[in-house]
Amino acid sequence: MHCTSLYNSPVGGILLAADEIGVVGVWFEGEKYYAYCLDKENEPRETPVIKELKRWLDIYFQGERPGFEPPIHMIGTPFQVEVWNILREIPYGETTTYKEIARRVAENRGLKTMSAQAVGTAVGNNNINLIVPCHRVVGTNNSLAGYAGGIDKKICFLRLEGGYKDAYFVPRHSTAP
């Protein structure tokens, strides 16, 4: 069973969810995949994992690198989990591209190529925002497309981490809200 708690952040309300293994969800109110993998039967309760997650978020929103990661439990397909694990390797304050992640997935699997679009879909279905930093992924042309939490939040987080570049831009047609 998932336990849940609400967190009031500078960018709005965030729903937190955890199970006995770790964090399963960090969703911004109104985001595209809000509570996507949350158990229908869940209990509002602050577990030790949720308390640690809130401590991590407090540090993060103060503009500091937390220096630790709460335990997480990624729920998804093997492909999604592979992509999400690559996201976890993107350093604080840095970005990478969907194309680069696709190259790494292809390399890991012994393939010549991998679809950056498939990677983008997996990135977009990440349930553990901020901890699994999908906001650090940009287009090869420096576009800030594809953030389910909203482009405004993506920009905010990149600025907070010191990773925002003047070359970044919001495309006219974005897949994000």
C-alpha atoms as a PDB file:
ATOM      1  CA  MET A   1       0.000   0.000   0.000  1.00  0.00           C
ATOM      2  CA  HIS A   2       1.180   3.495  -0.803  1.00  0.00           C
ATOM      3  CA  CYS A   3       1.312   6.169   1.850  1.00  0.00           C
ATOM      4  CA  THR A   4       0.910   9.777   0.746  1.00  0.00           C
ATOM      5  CA  SER A   5       1.585  13.272   1.972  1.00  0.00           C
ATOM      6  CA  LEU A   6       1.308  16.767   0.533  1.00  0.00           C
ATOM      7  CA  TYR A   7       4.280  19.115   0.321  1.00  0.00           C
ATOM      8  CA  ASN A   8       3.910  22.855  -0.169  1.00  0.00           C
ATOM      9  CA  SER A   9       6.755  24.043  -2.384  1.00  0.00           C
ATOM     10  CA  PRO A  10       7.652  27.389  -3.965  1.00  0.00           C
ATOM     11  CA  VAL A  11       6.229  26.027  -7.259  1.00  0.00           C
ATOM     12  CA  GLY A  12       2.965  24.773  -5.742  1.00  0.00           C
ATOM     13  CA  GLY A  13       1.617  21.652  -4.106  1.00  0.00           C
ATOM     14  CA  ILE A  14       3.386  18.349  -4.572  1.00  0.00           C
ATOM     15  CA  LEU A  15       1.874  14.943  -3.852  1.00  0.00           C
ATOM     16  CA  LEU A  16       4.417  12.547  -2.355  1.00  0.00           C
ATOM     17  CA  ALA A  17       3.937   8.787  -2.257  1.00  0.00           C
ATOM     18  CA  ALA A  18       6.004   5.947  -0.845  1.00  0.00           C
ATOM     19  CA  ASP A  19       5.727   2.244  -0.198  1.00  0.00           C
ATOM     20  CA  GLU A  20       7.754  -0.023   2.081  1.00  0.00           C
ATOM     21  CA  ILE A  21      10.699   0.100  -0.385  1.00  0.00           C
ATOM     22  CA  GLY A  22      10.931   3.832  -1.072  1.00  0.00           C
ATOM     23  CA  VAL A  23       9.528   6.862  -2.866  1.00  0.00           C
ATOM     24  CA  VAL A  24       7.153   5.871  -5.704  1.00  0.00           C
ATOM     25  CA  GLY A  25       5.831   9.278  -6.669  1.00  0.00           C
ATOM     26  CA  VAL A  26       6.564  12.999  -6.622  1.00  0.00           C
ATOM     27  CA  TRP A  27       3.819  14.748  -8.622  1.00  0.00           C
ATOM     28  CA  PHE A  28       3.103  18.449  -9.089  1.00  0.00           C
ATOM     29  CA  GLU A  29      -0.554  19.424  -8.766  1.00  0.00           C
ATOM     30  CA  GLY A  30      -2.064  19.652 -12.237  1.00  0.00           C
ATOM     31  CA  GLU A  31       0.746  17.833 -14.031  1.00  0.00           C
ATOM     32  CA  LYS A  32       0.050  15.598 -17.005  1.00  0.00           C
ATOM     33  CA  TYR A  33       0.613  12.250 -15.213  1.00  0.00           C
ATOM     34  CA  TYR A  34      -0.553  13.256 -11.714  1.00  0.00           C
ATOM     35  CA  ALA A  35      -0.679  10.244  -9.364  1.00  0.00           C
ATOM     36  CA  TYR A  36      -0.147   7.964 -12.378  1.00  0.00           C
ATOM     37  CA  CYS A  37       1.025   4.862 -10.495  1.00  0.00           C
ATOM     38  CA  LEU A  38      -0.568   5.597  -7.119  1.00  0.00           C
ATOM     39  CA  ASP A  39      -2.437   2.675  -5.566  1.00  0.00           C
ATOM     40  CA  LYS A  40      -6.192   3.241  -5.528  1.00  0.00           C
ATOM     41  CA  GLU A  41      -6.039   2.187  -1.898  1.00  0.00           C
ATOM     42  CA  ASN A  42      -3.579   4.575  -0.253  1.00  0.00           C
ATOM     43  CA  GLU A  43      -3.195   6.085   3.162  1.00  0.00           C
ATOM     44  CA  PRO A  44      -2.287   9.684   4.021  1.00  0.00           C
ATOM     45  CA  ARG A  45       0.601   9.053   6.443  1.00  0.00           C
ATOM     46  CA  GLU A  46       4.100  10.419   6.973  1.00  0.00           C
ATOM     47  CA  THR A  47       6.397   7.427   6.887  1.00  0.00           C
ATOM     48  CA  PRO A  48      10.154   7.663   7.550  1.00  0.00           C
ATOM     49  CA  VAL A  49      10.717   7.590   3.758  1.00  0.00           C
ATOM     50  CA  ILE A  50       8.313  10.508   3.224  1.00  0.00           C
ATOM     51  CA  LYS A  51       9.957  12.461   6.066  1.00  0.00           C
ATOM     52  CA  GLU A  52      13.357  11.935   4.437  1.00  0.00           C
ATOM     53  CA  LEU A  53      11.925  12.994   1.061  1.00  0.00           C
ATOM     54  CA  LYS A  54      10.535  16.178   2.604  1.00  0.00           C
ATOM     55  CA  ARG A  55      13.955  16.912   4.115  1.00  0.00           C
ATOM     56  CA  TRP A  56      15.507  16.404   0.655  1.00  0.00           C
ATOM     57  CA  LEU A  57      12.935  18.783  -0.895  1.00  0.00           C
ATOM     58  CA  ASP A  58      13.509  21.409   1.826  1.00  0.00           C
ATOM     59  CA  ILE A  59      17.230  21.449   1.018  1.00  0.00           C
ATOM     60  CA  TYR A  60      16.619  21.397  -2.743  1.00  0.00           C
ATOM     61  CA  PHE A  61      14.212  24.339  -2.680  1.00  0.00           C
ATOM     62  CA  GLN A  62      16.732  26.347  -0.651  1.00  0.00           C
ATOM     63  CA  GLY A  63      18.921  26.177  -3.777  1.00  0.00           C
ATOM     64  CA  GLU A  64      21.358  23.675  -2.331  1.00  0.00           C
ATOM     65  CA  ARG A  65      22.418  20.225  -3.504  1.00  0.00           C
ATOM     66  CA  PRO A  66      20.875  17.785  -1.000  1.00  0.00           C
ATOM     67  CA  GLY A  67      23.911  15.471  -0.830  1.00  0.00           C
ATOM     68  CA  PHE A  68      21.786  12.367  -0.240  1.00  0.00           C
ATOM     69  CA  GLU A  69      18.946  10.582  -1.968  1.00  0.00           C
ATOM     70  CA  PRO A  70      15.934   9.120  -0.196  1.00  0.00           C
ATOM     71  CA  PRO A  71      15.267   5.479  -1.056  1.00  0.00           C
ATOM     72  CA  ILE A  72      13.264   5.198  -4.256  1.00  0.00           C
ATOM     73  CA  HIS A  73      11.145   2.496  -5.880  1.00  0.00           C
ATOM     74  CA  MET A  74      10.781   3.038  -9.599  1.00  0.00           C
ATOM     75  CA  ILE A  75       7.604   1.427 -10.943  1.00  0.00           C
ATOM     76  CA  GLY A  76       7.645   0.998 -14.701  1.00  0.00           C
ATOM     77  CA  THR A  77       8.645  -1.207 -17.612  1.00  0.00           C
ATOM     78  CA  PRO A  78      12.239  -2.444 -17.839  1.00  0.00           C
ATOM     79  CA  PHE A  79      12.865   0.109 -20.609  1.00  0.00           C
ATOM     80  CA  GLN A  80      11.461   2.968 -18.519  1.00  0.00           C
ATOM     81  CA  VAL A  81      13.520   1.966 -15.484  1.00  0.00           C
ATOM     82  CA  GLU A  82      16.651   1.779 -17.659  1.00  0.00           C
ATOM     83  CA  VAL A  83      16.020   5.324 -18.924  1.00  0.00           C
ATOM     84  CA  TRP A  84      15.187   6.597 -15.429  1.00  0.00           C
ATOM     85  CA  ASN A  85      18.419   5.154 -14.049  1.00  0.00           C
ATOM     86  CA  ILE A  86      20.313   7.123 -16.696  1.00  0.00           C
ATOM     87  CA  LEU A  87      18.433  10.247 -15.582  1.00  0.00           C
ATOM     88  CA  ARG A  88      19.674   9.665 -12.037  1.00  0.00           C
ATOM     89  CA  GLU A  89      23.242   9.939 -13.329  1.00  0.00           C
ATOM     90  CA  ILE A  90      22.795  13.476 -14.701  1.00  0.00           C
ATOM     91  CA  PRO A  91      24.739  15.708 -12.301  1.00  0.00           C
ATOM     92  CA  TYR A  92      23.026  18.502 -10.392  1.00  0.00           C
ATOM     93  CA  GLY A  93      23.200  21.704 -12.417  1.00  0.00           C
ATOM     94  CA  GLU A  94      23.900  19.940 -15.711  1.00  0.00           C
ATOM     95  CA  THR A  95      21.742  18.793 -18.612  1.00  0.00           C
ATOM     96  CA  THR A  96      21.806  16.124 -21.282  1.00  0.00           C
ATOM     97  CA  THR A  97      19.735  15.449 -24.387  1.00  0.00           C
ATOM     98  CA  TYR A  98      17.150  12.862 -25.329  1.00  0.00           C
ATOM     99  CA  LYS A  99      19.506  11.870 -28.150  1.00  0.00           C
ATOM    100  CA  GLU A 100      22.381  11.247 -25.723  1.00  0.00           C
ATOM    101  CA  ILE A 101      20.179   9.110 -23.476  1.00  0.00           C
ATOM    102  CA  ALA A 102      19.042   7.149 -26.552  1.00  0.00           C
ATOM    103  CA  ARG A 103      22.694   6.620 -27.500  1.00  0.00           C
ATOM    104  CA  ARG A 104      23.454   5.290 -24.011  1.00  0.00           C
ATOM    105  CA  VAL A 105      20.441   2.946 -24.030  1.00  0.00           C
ATOM    106  CA  ALA A 106      21.484   1.612 -27.448  1.00  0.00           C
ATOM    107  CA  GLU A 107      25.033   1.116 -26.205  1.00  0.00           C
ATOM    108  CA  ASN A 108      23.821  -0.690 -23.067  1.00  0.00           C
ATOM    109  CA  ARG A 109      21.710  -3.010 -25.203  1.00  0.00           C
ATOM    110  CA  GLY A 110      24.316  -3.603 -27.920  1.00  0.00           C
ATOM    111  CA  LEU A 111      22.207  -1.839 -30.555  1.00  0.00           C
ATOM    112  CA  LYS A 112      23.305   0.595 -33.256  1.00  0.00           C
ATOM    113  CA  THR A 113      20.549   3.092 -32.505  1.00  0.00           C
ATOM    114  CA  MET A 114      17.632   3.768 -30.211  1.00  0.00           C
ATOM    115  CA  SER A 115      14.723   6.119 -30.784  1.00  0.00           C
ATOM    116  CA  ALA A 116      15.088   9.438 -28.976  1.00  0.00           C
ATOM    117  CA  GLN A 117      11.290   9.694 -29.191  1.00  0.00           C
ATOM    118  CA  ALA A 118      10.912   6.403 -27.264  1.00  0.00           C
ATOM    119  CA  VAL A 119      13.337   7.760 -24.688  1.00  0.00           C
ATOM    120  CA  GLY A 120      11.298  10.982 -24.510  1.00  0.00           C
ATOM    121  CA  THR A 121       8.151   8.993 -23.798  1.00  0.00           C
ATOM    122  CA  ALA A 122       9.905   7.106 -20.986  1.00  0.00           C
ATOM    123  CA  VAL A 123      11.315  10.348 -19.568  1.00  0.00           C
ATOM    124  CA  GLY A 124       7.828  11.892 -19.649  1.00  0.00           C
ATOM    125  CA  ASN A 125       6.378   8.970 -17.684  1.00  0.00           C
ATOM    126  CA  ASN A 126       8.836   9.381 -14.815  1.00  0.00           C
ATOM    127  CA  ASN A 127       6.819   9.367 -11.582  1.00  0.00           C
ATOM    128  CA  ILE A 128       9.577  10.596  -9.285  1.00  0.00           C
ATOM    129  CA  ASN A 129      10.093  14.210 -10.338  1.00  0.00           C
ATOM    130  CA  LEU A 130      13.170  16.059  -9.079  1.00  0.00           C
ATOM    131  CA  ILE A 131      14.712  12.959  -7.437  1.00  0.00           C
ATOM    132  CA  VAL A 132      14.844  11.296 -10.862  1.00  0.00           C
ATOM    133  CA  PRO A 133      15.733  14.548 -12.642  1.00  0.00           C
ATOM    134  CA  CYS A 134      13.838  14.499 -15.936  1.00  0.00           C
ATOM    135  CA  HIS A 135      13.911  18.317 -15.892  1.00  0.00           C
ATOM    136  CA  ARG A 136      17.620  18.070 -16.811  1.00  0.00           C
ATOM    137  CA  VAL A 137      16.850  16.691 -20.281  1.00  0.00           C
ATOM    138  CA  VAL A 138      16.691  19.095 -23.241  1.00  0.00           C
ATOM    139  CA  GLY A 139      16.447  18.803 -27.000  1.00  0.00           C
ATOM    140  CA  THR A 140      19.621  18.671 -29.103  1.00  0.00           C
ATOM    141  CA  ASN A 141      18.688  22.131 -30.397  1.00  0.00           C
ATOM    142  CA  ASN A 142      18.447  23.464 -26.781  1.00  0.00           C
ATOM    143  CA  SER A 143      14.647  23.328 -26.729  1.00  0.00           C
ATOM    144  CA  LEU A 144      12.942  22.929 -23.362  1.00  0.00           C
ATOM    145  CA  ALA A 145      10.149  20.686 -24.608  1.00  0.00           C
ATOM    146  CA  GLY A 146       8.562  17.727 -22.944  1.00  0.00           C
ATOM    147  CA  TYR A 147       8.233  18.363 -19.202  1.00  0.00           C
ATOM    148  CA  ALA A 148       5.005  16.906 -17.796  1.00  0.00           C
ATOM    149  CA  GLY A 149       5.194  19.207 -14.774  1.00  0.00           C
ATOM    150  CA  GLY A 150       5.174  22.270 -17.012  1.00  0.00           C
ATOM    151  CA  ILE A 151       7.868  24.201 -18.837  1.00  0.00           C
ATOM    152  CA  ASP A 152       7.734  26.966 -16.209  1.00  0.00           C
ATOM    153  CA  LYS A 153       8.794  24.460 -13.545  1.00  0.00           C
ATOM    154  CA  LYS A 154      11.532  23.000 -15.748  1.00  0.00           C
ATOM    155  CA  ILE A 155      12.998  26.483 -16.206  1.00  0.00           C
ATOM    156  CA  CYS A 156      12.669  27.180 -12.475  1.00  0.00           C
ATOM    157  CA  PHE A 157      14.529  23.988 -11.526  1.00  0.00           C
ATOM    158  CA  LEU A 158      17.309  24.509 -14.073  1.00  0.00           C
ATOM    159  CA  ARG A 159      17.786  28.063 -12.751  1.00  0.00           C
ATOM    160  CA  LEU A 160      17.688  26.898  -9.135  1.00  0.00           C
ATOM    161  CA  GLU A 161      20.460  24.381  -9.904  1.00  0.00           C
ATOM    162  CA  GLY A 162      22.512  26.883 -11.911  1.00  0.00           C
ATOM    163  CA  GLY A 163      22.102  24.816 -15.074  1.00  0.00           C
ATOM    164  CA  TYR A 164      19.972  27.195 -17.127  1.00  0.00           C
ATOM    165  CA  LYS A 165      21.596  28.536 -20.323  1.00  0.00           C
ATOM    166  CA  ASP A 166      20.574  31.586 -22.327  1.00  0.00           C
ATOM    167  CA  ALA A 167      20.570  29.362 -25.441  1.00  0.00           C
ATOM    168  CA  TYR A 168      17.570  27.394 -24.124  1.00  0.00           C
ATOM    169  CA  PHE A 169      14.190  28.200 -25.607  1.00  0.00           C
ATOM    170  CA  VAL A 170      10.589  27.064 -25.405  1.00  0.00           C
ATOM    171  CA  PRO A 171       9.402  25.725 -28.774  1.00  0.00           C
ATOM    172  CA  ARG A 172       6.144  26.949 -30.265  1.00  0.00           C
ATOM    173  CA  HIS A 173       4.706  23.439 -30.230  1.00  0.00           C
ATOM    174  CA  SER A 174       5.549  21.628 -27.026  1.00  0.00           C
ATOM    175  CA  THR A 175       4.392  18.262 -25.724  1.00  0.00           C
ATOM    176  CA  ALA A 176       4.365  19.675 -22.200  1.00  0.00           C
ATOM    177  CA  PRO A 177       1.577  21.702 -20.573  1.00  0.00           C
END
